Each structure stands twice: as C-alpha cells, then as structure tokens.
N, C-alpha and C. Protein backbone atom coordinates (compact mmCIF):
# COMPACT_ATOMS: atom_id res chain seq x y z
N MET A 1 0.81 -1.19 -0.04
CA MET A 1 -0.02 -0.01 0.04
C MET A 1 0.88 1.23 0.06
N SER A 2 0.65 2.13 -0.94
CA SER A 2 1.48 3.34 -0.90
C SER A 2 0.84 4.38 -0.08
N GLY A 3 1.74 5.17 0.45
CA GLY A 3 1.20 6.36 1.36
C GLY A 3 2.56 6.87 2.01
N THR A 4 2.23 7.64 3.16
CA THR A 4 3.42 8.18 3.76
C THR A 4 3.29 7.99 5.34
N ARG A 5 4.44 7.56 5.93
CA ARG A 5 4.51 7.49 7.39
C ARG A 5 4.89 8.72 8.07
N PHE A 6 4.27 9.21 9.01
CA PHE A 6 4.67 10.44 9.78
C PHE A 6 4.93 10.21 11.16
N ALA A 7 6.12 10.84 11.65
CA ALA A 7 6.42 10.62 13.00
C ALA A 7 7.01 11.81 13.58
N VAL A 8 6.80 12.19 14.84
CA VAL A 8 7.40 13.44 15.35
C VAL A 8 7.68 13.09 16.85
N TRP A 9 8.65 13.72 17.34
CA TRP A 9 8.97 13.50 18.83
C TRP A 9 8.41 14.74 19.56
N ALA A 10 7.41 14.31 20.42
CA ALA A 10 6.66 15.37 21.21
C ALA A 10 6.31 14.69 22.59
N PRO A 11 7.21 14.37 23.44
CA PRO A 11 6.89 13.51 24.63
C PRO A 11 5.88 14.13 25.61
N ASN A 12 5.69 15.47 25.56
CA ASN A 12 4.94 16.11 26.55
C ASN A 12 3.68 16.55 25.95
N ALA A 13 3.31 16.29 24.73
CA ALA A 13 2.08 16.63 24.15
C ALA A 13 0.90 15.75 24.59
N SER A 14 -0.28 16.31 24.66
CA SER A 14 -1.39 15.62 25.13
C SER A 14 -2.17 14.92 23.81
N ARG A 15 -2.01 15.54 22.70
CA ARG A 15 -2.51 15.12 21.35
C ARG A 15 -1.67 15.61 20.27
N VAL A 16 -1.46 14.88 19.20
CA VAL A 16 -0.60 15.32 18.00
C VAL A 16 -1.63 14.82 16.73
N SER A 17 -1.66 15.66 15.87
CA SER A 17 -2.27 15.33 14.57
C SER A 17 -1.40 15.83 13.57
N VAL A 18 -1.51 15.19 12.27
CA VAL A 18 -0.93 15.59 11.10
C VAL A 18 -2.00 16.28 10.28
N VAL A 19 -1.63 17.50 9.80
CA VAL A 19 -2.62 18.26 9.08
C VAL A 19 -1.96 18.70 7.77
N GLY A 20 -2.77 18.81 6.72
CA GLY A 20 -2.15 19.18 5.42
C GLY A 20 -3.22 19.23 4.21
N ASP A 21 -2.66 19.32 3.14
CA ASP A 21 -3.54 19.54 1.92
C ASP A 21 -4.53 18.31 1.85
N PHE A 22 -4.08 17.13 2.22
CA PHE A 22 -4.80 15.92 2.00
C PHE A 22 -5.94 15.82 3.01
N ASN A 23 -6.02 16.62 4.06
CA ASN A 23 -7.32 16.66 4.98
C ASN A 23 -7.76 18.02 5.27
N HIS A 24 -7.50 18.92 4.27
CA HIS A 24 -7.98 20.38 4.40
C HIS A 24 -7.40 21.09 5.69
N TRP A 25 -6.29 20.56 6.23
CA TRP A 25 -5.64 21.26 7.42
C TRP A 25 -6.59 21.10 8.62
N ASP A 26 -7.29 19.97 8.75
CA ASP A 26 -8.27 19.80 9.75
C ASP A 26 -7.63 18.77 10.77
N GLY A 27 -7.25 19.27 12.04
CA GLY A 27 -6.59 18.54 13.07
C GLY A 27 -7.40 17.39 13.59
N ARG A 28 -8.73 17.39 13.34
CA ARG A 28 -9.61 16.23 13.84
C ARG A 28 -9.48 15.00 13.03
N CYS A 29 -8.96 15.15 11.88
CA CYS A 29 -8.95 14.02 10.86
C CYS A 29 -7.89 12.85 11.15
N HIS A 30 -6.68 13.38 11.44
CA HIS A 30 -5.58 12.26 11.64
C HIS A 30 -4.92 12.38 12.73
N GLY A 31 -5.48 11.99 13.89
CA GLY A 31 -4.88 12.02 15.16
C GLY A 31 -3.86 10.81 15.24
N MET A 32 -2.58 11.09 15.80
CA MET A 32 -1.55 10.14 15.80
C MET A 32 -1.55 9.38 17.04
N ARG A 33 -0.92 8.26 17.12
CA ARG A 33 -0.67 7.39 18.26
C ARG A 33 0.62 7.57 18.82
N LEU A 34 0.62 7.64 20.33
CA LEU A 34 1.91 7.83 20.99
C LEU A 34 2.59 6.52 21.33
N ARG A 35 3.91 6.51 21.03
CA ARG A 35 4.64 5.27 21.50
C ARG A 35 5.36 5.92 22.77
N ARG A 36 4.76 5.54 23.91
CA ARG A 36 5.05 6.14 25.15
C ARG A 36 6.59 5.86 25.58
N GLU A 37 7.18 4.67 25.18
CA GLU A 37 8.43 4.39 25.57
C GLU A 37 9.54 5.26 24.97
N CYS A 38 9.18 6.06 23.86
CA CYS A 38 10.16 7.01 23.27
C CYS A 38 9.61 8.41 23.01
N GLY A 39 8.37 8.63 23.27
CA GLY A 39 7.77 9.87 23.10
C GLY A 39 7.47 10.43 21.67
N VAL A 40 7.46 9.36 20.87
CA VAL A 40 7.18 9.62 19.38
C VAL A 40 5.79 9.34 19.05
N TRP A 41 5.17 10.28 18.31
CA TRP A 41 3.81 10.14 17.80
C TRP A 41 3.79 9.78 16.47
N GLU A 42 3.01 8.83 15.94
CA GLU A 42 3.26 8.41 14.58
C GLU A 42 1.83 7.93 13.94
N ILE A 43 1.84 7.97 12.55
CA ILE A 43 0.64 7.45 11.95
C ILE A 43 1.08 7.18 10.34
N PHE A 44 0.52 6.26 9.80
CA PHE A 44 0.70 5.89 8.36
C PHE A 44 -0.53 6.36 7.68
N LEU A 45 -0.42 7.21 6.68
CA LEU A 45 -1.63 7.68 5.78
C LEU A 45 -1.54 7.15 4.37
N PRO A 46 -2.37 6.19 4.17
CA PRO A 46 -2.44 5.52 2.67
C PRO A 46 -2.92 6.80 1.73
N GLY A 47 -2.20 6.71 0.63
CA GLY A 47 -2.65 7.72 -0.52
C GLY A 47 -2.04 9.11 -0.45
N VAL A 48 -1.37 9.41 0.74
CA VAL A 48 -0.79 10.73 0.77
C VAL A 48 0.56 10.59 -0.03
N ARG A 49 0.60 11.50 -1.05
CA ARG A 49 1.65 11.39 -2.04
C ARG A 49 2.85 12.28 -1.77
N SER A 50 3.88 12.02 -2.57
CA SER A 50 4.99 12.86 -2.44
C SER A 50 4.66 14.26 -2.84
N GLY A 51 5.08 15.27 -2.15
CA GLY A 51 4.81 16.70 -2.57
C GLY A 51 3.62 17.15 -1.64
N ALA A 52 2.98 16.39 -0.85
CA ALA A 52 1.93 16.93 0.02
C ALA A 52 2.45 17.84 1.05
N ARG A 53 1.75 18.96 1.19
CA ARG A 53 2.20 19.93 2.22
C ARG A 53 1.57 19.51 3.62
N TYR A 54 2.35 19.63 4.57
CA TYR A 54 1.87 19.20 5.90
C TYR A 54 2.59 19.90 7.09
N LYS A 55 1.89 19.97 8.22
CA LYS A 55 2.56 20.27 9.58
C LYS A 55 2.02 19.35 10.64
N TYR A 56 2.53 19.49 11.75
CA TYR A 56 2.00 18.76 12.94
C TYR A 56 1.19 19.82 13.77
N GLU A 57 -0.10 19.46 14.21
CA GLU A 57 -0.84 20.16 15.03
C GLU A 57 -0.66 19.58 16.48
N ILE A 58 0.01 20.21 17.38
CA ILE A 58 0.34 19.73 18.62
C ILE A 58 -0.41 20.28 19.71
N ARG A 59 -1.06 19.55 20.63
CA ARG A 59 -1.78 20.18 21.82
C ARG A 59 -0.96 19.83 22.98
N ASP A 60 -0.58 20.88 23.79
CA ASP A 60 0.21 20.70 24.92
C ASP A 60 -0.59 20.27 26.14
N GLN A 61 0.08 20.21 27.19
CA GLN A 61 -0.70 19.66 28.44
C GLN A 61 -1.69 20.65 28.99
N ASP A 62 -1.52 22.04 28.60
CA ASP A 62 -2.51 23.09 29.08
C ASP A 62 -3.58 23.24 28.07
N GLY A 63 -3.60 22.33 26.87
CA GLY A 63 -4.78 22.53 25.93
C GLY A 63 -4.39 23.43 24.77
N ARG A 64 -3.29 24.12 24.83
CA ARG A 64 -2.92 25.02 23.76
C ARG A 64 -2.56 24.26 22.50
N VAL A 65 -2.92 24.69 21.29
CA VAL A 65 -2.71 24.01 20.06
C VAL A 65 -1.69 24.95 19.28
N VAL A 66 -0.64 24.24 18.78
CA VAL A 66 0.30 24.87 17.80
C VAL A 66 0.54 23.92 16.65
N ALA A 67 0.73 24.69 15.48
CA ALA A 67 1.13 23.98 14.34
C ALA A 67 2.62 24.12 14.21
N ARG A 68 3.15 23.01 13.87
CA ARG A 68 4.78 22.97 13.81
C ARG A 68 5.19 22.27 12.60
N GLU A 69 6.18 22.93 11.85
CA GLU A 69 6.83 22.21 10.84
C GLU A 69 7.82 21.36 11.30
N ARG A 70 8.24 20.32 10.59
CA ARG A 70 9.16 19.42 10.93
C ARG A 70 10.48 20.12 11.00
N VAL A 71 11.30 19.86 12.01
CA VAL A 71 12.62 20.52 12.13
C VAL A 71 13.43 20.18 10.83
N TRP A 72 13.33 18.90 10.29
CA TRP A 72 14.19 18.63 9.11
C TRP A 72 13.61 19.52 7.92
N ALA A 73 12.43 19.84 7.83
CA ALA A 73 11.81 20.63 6.82
C ALA A 73 12.34 22.11 6.88
N GLN A 74 12.38 22.42 8.18
CA GLN A 74 12.78 23.88 8.48
C GLN A 74 14.29 24.02 7.91
N ALA A 75 15.04 22.99 8.28
CA ALA A 75 16.57 23.18 7.91
C ALA A 75 16.81 23.06 6.42
N HIS A 76 15.92 22.23 5.73
CA HIS A 76 16.24 22.06 4.33
C HIS A 76 15.32 23.07 3.33
N ARG A 77 14.51 23.84 4.01
CA ARG A 77 13.76 24.83 3.31
C ARG A 77 14.74 25.81 2.71
N THR A 78 15.69 26.14 3.52
CA THR A 78 16.74 27.14 3.09
C THR A 78 17.56 26.55 1.98
N LEU A 79 18.02 25.20 2.08
CA LEU A 79 18.77 24.62 1.21
C LEU A 79 18.07 24.15 -0.17
N ALA A 80 16.92 23.49 0.07
CA ALA A 80 16.33 22.90 -1.04
C ALA A 80 14.81 23.42 -1.33
N ARG A 81 14.45 24.31 -0.44
CA ARG A 81 13.12 24.89 -0.47
C ARG A 81 12.01 23.87 -0.49
N LEU A 82 12.05 22.92 0.31
CA LEU A 82 11.12 21.85 0.45
C LEU A 82 9.81 22.28 1.14
N ASN A 83 10.03 23.24 2.12
CA ASN A 83 8.96 23.75 2.94
C ASN A 83 7.96 22.73 3.51
N GLY A 84 8.53 21.68 3.93
CA GLY A 84 7.64 20.61 4.77
C GLY A 84 6.81 19.84 3.75
N LYS A 85 7.35 19.43 2.62
CA LYS A 85 6.65 18.67 1.61
C LYS A 85 7.02 17.22 1.86
N ALA A 86 6.03 16.27 1.69
CA ALA A 86 6.30 14.86 1.75
C ALA A 86 7.08 14.49 0.65
N GLN A 87 8.10 13.53 0.81
CA GLN A 87 8.97 13.12 -0.31
C GLN A 87 8.71 11.74 -0.48
N GLN A 88 8.74 11.13 -1.72
CA GLN A 88 8.62 9.69 -1.99
C GLN A 88 9.59 8.95 -0.99
N GLY A 89 9.07 7.94 -0.42
CA GLY A 89 9.96 6.99 0.37
C GLY A 89 10.44 7.72 1.71
N GLN A 90 9.89 8.89 1.94
CA GLN A 90 10.36 9.59 3.17
C GLN A 90 9.75 9.08 4.37
N GLU A 91 10.50 8.95 5.35
CA GLU A 91 10.02 8.65 6.71
C GLU A 91 10.50 9.82 7.71
N SER A 92 9.60 10.48 8.29
CA SER A 92 9.97 11.53 9.11
C SER A 92 10.20 10.94 10.56
N ALA A 93 11.51 11.16 10.96
CA ALA A 93 11.91 10.63 12.23
C ALA A 93 12.29 11.64 13.21
N PRO A 94 12.24 11.39 14.58
CA PRO A 94 12.68 12.38 15.45
C PRO A 94 14.11 12.78 15.32
C-alpha cells in the first residue's frame, strides 16, 4: 500500500495530529498514536503522495494548540526549499 509514514517527537504533548493538503488542514482527521516508551507520535496515511504539504498540530498539556513544521523541513527549506513537503519514500523521524 502506498502512502506516507509520519512521526514526530513530542513527549509532553497531550495530542498530536498531522494536518495538510490531504485533509484540508483539519486536526480532527488524523490523530496520531503515541509510542510512550520513546515519546514519538506516529501514523501511516495511505494515499498521501510525495509533495503533499503538511505540519503537525500539537496540543500541549495546558490544551494550547500549535502547528509546527518538521525540524528537518525547516533546515532544508533554506537549502532545497522543500517547505515541509512529503517526499517519495520519506520517513519523518525524530
């Protein structure tokens, strides 16, 4: 099955979702599951193709919600102007 695996390290978050072009930036659509042993939130989304724009919507312990680009995407935006786009075969790791 083709798609994209998303993962982000956010050990103190109370909820994390991946939002993007593929779900109209709606944080209610794709809530991620927490791997408690390492603080990583993850999800596999079938059908999300290379080039999809996305961010992580993170809810902190106080209920505040922030949208965050991947750190890797921020670093490479300057170099390759990827701006947080999913790449074929990419796995986002902490």
